[in-house]
Amino acid sequence: MFLGAAVACIFTGISDRLLSERLRELEAVGIVKREVSPGPPVRFRYELTGAGHELEPALGALEAWAAKWIASR
């Protein structure tokens, strides 16, 4: 799964700085890996690692739970 500029569209209401910090935290714990493409402009590409892919079922279950319980409030 490629995580690029489209990620910013998913996380509306989050600043570029905060998104960058969160992606760096995920990189530090091995959930995503980052590749830098030289510019101009410099571009960053994030991709899920094996560990990140293993989280997909858990995140899917959490999403289903949220859709059921949070949306009904």
Protein backbone atom coordinates (compact mmCIF):
# COMPACT_ATOMS: atom_id res chain seq x y z
CA MET A 1 0.00 0.00 0.00
CA PHE A 2 1.45 3.33 -1.05
CA LEU A 3 0.88 6.29 1.24
CA GLY A 4 1.46 9.54 -0.57
CA ALA A 5 -0.11 12.95 -0.89
CA ALA A 6 -3.52 11.29 -0.86
CA VAL A 7 -3.03 10.58 2.85
CA ALA A 8 -3.46 14.27 3.57
CA CYS A 9 -6.91 14.14 1.97
CA ILE A 10 -7.98 11.37 4.35
CA PHE A 11 -6.89 13.28 7.43
CA THR A 12 -8.84 16.48 7.03
CA GLY A 13 -8.35 18.94 9.83
CA ILE A 14 -4.79 17.87 10.55
CA SER A 15 -1.91 20.20 9.76
CA ASP A 16 0.92 19.16 7.46
CA ARG A 17 3.28 19.46 10.41
CA LEU A 18 1.24 17.15 12.63
CA LEU A 19 0.74 14.63 9.82
CA SER A 20 4.50 14.64 9.22
CA GLU A 21 5.16 14.06 12.93
CA ARG A 22 2.73 11.12 13.06
CA LEU A 23 4.24 9.53 9.96
CA ARG A 24 7.72 9.89 11.46
CA GLU A 25 6.49 8.21 14.66
CA LEU A 26 5.07 5.34 12.60
CA GLU A 27 8.37 5.10 10.76
CA ALA A 28 10.31 5.00 14.04
CA VAL A 29 8.36 1.97 15.25
CA GLY A 30 8.51 0.15 11.92
CA ILE A 31 4.90 0.55 10.73
CA VAL A 32 5.80 2.55 7.61
CA LYS A 33 8.97 3.17 5.66
CA ARG A 34 9.83 6.48 4.04
CA GLU A 35 11.53 7.12 0.73
CA VAL A 36 12.75 10.55 -0.29
CA SER A 37 12.63 11.58 -3.95
CA PRO A 38 15.02 14.43 -4.72
CA GLY A 39 13.40 17.57 -6.06
CA PRO A 40 12.71 20.18 -6.64
CA PRO A 41 10.33 19.79 -5.01
CA VAL A 42 11.51 17.12 -2.59
CA ARG A 43 8.83 14.46 -2.23
CA PHE A 44 8.31 11.85 0.44
CA ARG A 45 6.73 8.47 -0.18
CA TYR A 46 5.46 6.34 2.69
CA GLU A 47 4.73 2.65 2.39
CA LEU A 48 3.45 0.13 4.90
CA THR A 49 5.99 -2.39 6.14
CA GLY A 50 5.14 -6.03 6.88
CA ALA A 51 4.24 -4.98 10.42
CA GLY A 52 1.98 -2.26 9.03
CA HIS A 53 0.17 -4.73 6.82
CA GLU A 54 -0.38 -7.03 9.80
CA LEU A 55 -2.30 -4.20 11.48
CA GLU A 56 -4.87 -3.99 8.68
CA PRO A 57 -7.32 -6.58 10.14
CA ALA A 58 -7.23 -4.89 13.56
CA LEU A 59 -7.76 -1.45 12.05
CA GLY A 60 -10.60 -2.79 9.91
CA ALA A 61 -12.29 -4.19 13.03
CA LEU A 62 -11.83 -0.87 14.83
CA GLU A 63 -13.31 0.98 11.85
CA ALA A 64 -16.34 -1.34 11.84
CA TRP A 65 -16.83 -0.82 15.58
CA ALA A 66 -16.61 2.96 15.19
CA ALA A 67 -19.10 2.93 12.32
CA LYS A 68 -21.56 0.98 14.46
CA TRP A 69 -21.18 2.76 17.80
CA ILE A 70 -19.94 6.26 17.12
CA ALA A 71 -22.15 6.98 14.11
CA SER A 72 -25.24 6.02 16.13
CA ARG A 73 -24.63 8.75 18.74
